[in-house]
Amino acid sequence: MGIVVNLDVMMAKRKMSLSELAAKVDITLANLSILKNNKAKAIRLTTLEAICQSLDCQPGDILEYRPD
């Protein structure tokens, strides 16, 4: 499985919608949805930083490694 994005979990904990987070991070809904649904192949560190700042969390709260 590799790297898993737990963005939906953190958004639920912070009671934040996808559109609200997209506006705060200044990213399109489509790109944020791709990230949330584990379809992304990469993420910019600046985007990860903005997401962490908006959700008041650490990168490890969002990204998880699961061996195959």
Protein backbone atom coordinates (compact mmCIF):
# COMPACT_ATOMS: atom_id res chain seq x y z
CA MET A 1 0.00 0.00 0.00
CA GLY A 2 2.85 2.43 0.74
CA ILE A 3 2.01 5.97 1.82
CA VAL A 4 -1.58 6.57 2.90
CA VAL A 5 -3.09 10.04 3.21
CA ASN A 6 -5.37 10.37 6.25
CA LEU A 7 -6.57 13.84 5.32
CA ASP A 8 -10.23 12.93 5.70
CA VAL A 9 -9.61 11.78 9.29
CA MET A 10 -7.96 15.07 10.27
CA MET A 11 -10.65 17.09 8.51
CA ALA A 12 -13.34 15.20 10.44
CA LYS A 13 -11.49 15.77 13.74
CA ARG A 14 -11.32 19.50 13.02
CA LYS A 15 -14.88 19.60 11.61
CA MET A 16 -13.63 21.22 8.41
CA SER A 17 -15.17 20.70 4.99
CA LEU A 18 -13.21 20.05 1.81
CA SER A 19 -14.22 23.41 0.34
CA GLU A 20 -13.26 25.27 3.52
CA LEU A 21 -9.82 23.62 3.61
CA ALA A 22 -9.32 24.24 -0.12
CA ALA A 23 -9.98 27.95 0.42
CA LYS A 24 -7.59 28.16 3.39
CA VAL A 25 -4.81 26.27 1.60
CA ASP A 26 -5.47 28.00 -1.74
CA ILE A 27 -5.70 24.74 -3.69
CA THR A 28 -8.43 23.63 -6.08
CA LEU A 29 -11.17 21.36 -4.82
CA ALA A 30 -10.22 18.83 -7.49
CA ASN A 31 -6.58 18.65 -6.38
CA LEU A 32 -7.50 18.47 -2.70
CA SER A 33 -10.00 15.72 -3.47
CA ILE A 34 -7.31 13.74 -5.32
CA LEU A 35 -5.08 14.05 -2.26
CA LYS A 36 -7.88 13.13 0.16
CA ASN A 37 -8.80 10.02 -1.84
CA ASN A 38 -5.21 8.67 -1.94
CA LYS A 39 -4.93 9.19 -5.71
CA ALA A 40 -2.07 11.71 -5.55
CA LYS A 41 1.40 10.65 -6.65
CA ALA A 42 3.15 13.58 -4.93
CA ILE A 43 2.54 16.57 -2.68
CA ARG A 44 4.51 19.79 -2.47
CA LEU A 45 5.99 20.49 0.93
CA THR A 46 4.52 23.99 0.81
CA THR A 47 1.06 22.46 0.30
CA LEU A 48 1.62 20.00 3.14
CA GLU A 49 2.77 22.87 5.35
CA ALA A 50 -0.35 24.91 4.51
CA ILE A 51 -2.61 21.92 5.23
CA CYS A 52 -0.90 21.30 8.57
CA GLN A 53 -1.18 24.97 9.49
CA SER A 54 -4.88 25.05 8.56
CA LEU A 55 -5.70 21.82 10.43
CA ASP A 56 -3.31 22.56 13.32
CA CYS A 57 -1.59 19.18 13.00
CA GLN A 58 1.73 17.54 12.14
CA PRO A 59 2.61 15.93 8.77
CA GLY A 60 2.62 12.55 10.53
CA ASP A 61 -1.05 13.07 11.41
CA ILE A 62 -1.84 13.19 7.69
CA LEU A 63 0.73 10.86 6.11
CA GLU A 64 1.16 7.23 7.17
CA TYR A 65 3.34 4.42 5.85
CA ARG A 66 1.72 1.00 5.52
CA PRO A 67 3.91 -1.82 4.24
CA ASP A 68 2.50 -3.94 1.40
